[in-house]
Amino acid sequence: MGRRNNMKFSKVKALTTTGVTAIYLGLMNTQVVLAADGGEVQSKLTSAGKTIQGILTGLVVLVGICVALFIIIKRMPDADDPREKSEVYHAVGRVAGLVALAAAVIWLLPWVYSLFT
């Protein structure tokens, strides 16, 4: 029985030591981050903003491709009819235009915001 208690105590001691060490290292790293100068913070925020803009643009393009493919596949059985073919081209063109507009908004909105700040 005594041996089990020693093993439990040593496990608890090891976990406590590990936890205290992790918290200490986390706090020490936080002080380094808080001591960063304004230029470093600004460059990291700018980099993060560009990354988010790239991800959003990729999502818009991916959704646009999916919608265009859905329109084409949905209208495929009636592809022999010239009127139907014309409607497909107009629909796909509208999707391409909306994708371009959404991508432009993603990149132009932060620029317009920066003009007023």
Protein backbone atom coordinates (compact mmCIF):
# COMPACT_ATOMS: atom_id res chain seq x y z
CA MET A 1 0.00 0.00 0.00
CA GLY A 2 2.83 2.39 0.85
CA ARG A 3 4.48 1.79 -2.49
CA ARG A 4 1.30 2.78 -4.37
CA ASN A 5 1.03 6.02 -2.42
CA ASN A 6 4.65 6.82 -3.25
CA MET A 7 3.98 6.21 -6.96
CA LYS A 8 0.87 8.42 -6.86
CA PHE A 9 2.79 11.09 -4.99
CA SER A 10 5.65 11.02 -7.50
CA LYS A 11 3.19 11.27 -10.43
CA VAL A 12 1.43 14.21 -8.80
CA LYS A 13 4.79 15.81 -8.07
CA ALA A 14 5.92 15.33 -11.68
CA LEU A 15 2.68 16.77 -13.06
CA THR A 16 2.86 19.73 -10.69
CA THR A 17 6.46 20.44 -11.64
CA THR A 18 5.61 20.21 -15.33
CA GLY A 19 2.63 22.53 -14.93
CA VAL A 20 4.56 25.11 -12.95
CA THR A 21 7.39 25.04 -15.50
CA ALA A 22 4.94 25.48 -18.41
CA ILE A 23 3.23 28.42 -16.71
CA TYR A 24 6.58 30.03 -15.88
CA LEU A 25 7.83 29.70 -19.46
CA GLY A 26 4.53 31.02 -20.80
CA LEU A 27 4.74 34.08 -18.59
CA MET A 28 8.36 34.73 -19.53
CA ASN A 29 7.51 34.56 -23.24
CA THR A 30 4.54 36.89 -22.71
CA GLN A 31 6.84 39.55 -21.29
CA VAL A 32 9.01 39.34 -24.40
CA VAL A 33 5.96 39.78 -26.64
CA LEU A 34 4.67 42.67 -24.55
CA ALA A 35 8.07 44.35 -24.81
CA ALA A 36 7.99 44.40 -28.65
CA ASP A 37 8.26 47.82 -30.23
CA GLY A 38 5.53 49.38 -32.37
CA GLY A 39 7.24 48.64 -35.68
CA GLU A 40 7.33 44.91 -35.05
CA VAL A 41 3.68 44.84 -34.01
CA GLN A 42 2.62 46.88 -37.03
CA SER A 43 4.52 44.62 -39.43
CA LYS A 44 3.02 41.48 -37.87
CA LEU A 45 -0.50 42.93 -38.07
CA THR A 46 0.05 43.91 -41.69
CA SER A 47 1.31 40.43 -42.49
CA ALA A 48 -1.67 38.85 -40.74
CA GLY A 49 -4.05 41.14 -42.66
CA LYS A 50 -2.52 40.13 -45.99
CA THR A 51 -2.83 36.46 -45.04
CA ILE A 52 -6.50 36.89 -44.14
CA GLN A 53 -7.13 38.76 -47.38
CA GLY A 54 -5.50 35.94 -49.36
CA ILE A 55 -7.60 33.31 -47.59
CA LEU A 56 -10.82 35.26 -48.18
CA THR A 57 -9.96 35.77 -51.84
CA GLY A 58 -9.28 32.05 -52.22
CA LEU A 59 -12.63 31.22 -50.62
CA VAL A 60 -14.48 33.64 -52.94
CA VAL A 61 -12.79 32.13 -55.99
CA LEU A 62 -13.53 28.58 -54.79
CA VAL A 63 -17.22 29.39 -54.24
CA GLY A 64 -17.37 31.07 -57.65
CA ILE A 65 -15.89 28.01 -59.34
CA CYS A 66 -18.38 25.74 -57.56
CA VAL A 67 -21.35 27.93 -58.54
CA ALA A 68 -20.20 28.16 -62.17
CA LEU A 69 -19.74 24.39 -62.38
CA PHE A 70 -23.17 23.86 -60.81
CA ILE A 71 -24.77 26.12 -63.44
CA ILE A 72 -22.95 24.36 -66.29
CA ILE A 73 -23.75 20.85 -65.04
CA LYS A 74 -27.38 21.75 -64.34
CA ARG A 75 -27.89 23.10 -67.87
CA MET A 76 -25.81 20.41 -69.63
CA PRO A 77 -28.79 18.34 -70.91
CA ASP A 78 -30.16 21.35 -72.82
CA ALA A 79 -26.82 22.35 -74.37
CA ASP A 80 -28.11 21.88 -77.93
CA ASP A 81 -30.58 24.76 -77.64
CA PRO A 82 -28.89 28.07 -78.64
CA ARG A 83 -31.08 30.06 -76.25
CA GLU A 84 -30.15 27.79 -73.33
CA LYS A 85 -26.47 28.01 -74.30
CA SER A 86 -26.72 31.80 -74.30
CA GLU A 87 -28.33 31.76 -70.84
CA VAL A 88 -25.52 29.55 -69.54
CA TYR A 89 -22.88 31.92 -70.88
CA HIS A 90 -24.68 34.91 -69.30
CA ALA A 91 -25.03 33.13 -65.96
CA VAL A 92 -21.39 32.06 -65.88
CA GLY A 93 -20.36 35.59 -66.89
CA ARG A 94 -22.40 37.04 -64.01
CA VAL A 95 -20.73 34.63 -61.61
CA ALA A 96 -17.28 35.63 -62.90
CA GLY A 97 -18.18 39.32 -62.53
CA LEU A 98 -19.44 38.81 -58.98
CA VAL A 99 -16.29 36.90 -58.05
CA ALA A 100 -14.15 39.75 -59.42
CA LEU A 101 -16.26 42.30 -57.50
CA ALA A 102 -16.04 40.34 -54.24
CA ALA A 103 -12.27 39.93 -54.60
CA ALA A 104 -11.90 43.64 -55.34
CA VAL A 105 -13.94 44.53 -52.24
CA ILE A 106 -11.76 42.27 -50.09
CA TRP A 107 -8.63 44.12 -51.20
CA LEU A 108 -10.03 47.66 -51.60
CA LEU A 109 -11.97 47.97 -48.34
CA PRO A 110 -8.85 47.94 -46.09
CA TRP A 111 -7.19 50.45 -48.39
CA VAL A 112 -10.18 52.82 -48.23
CA TYR A 113 -10.28 52.40 -44.44
CA SER A 114 -6.60 53.30 -44.22
CA LEU A 115 -7.28 56.56 -46.08
CA PHE A 116 -9.48 57.78 -43.22
CA THR A 117 -7.28 56.67 -40.34
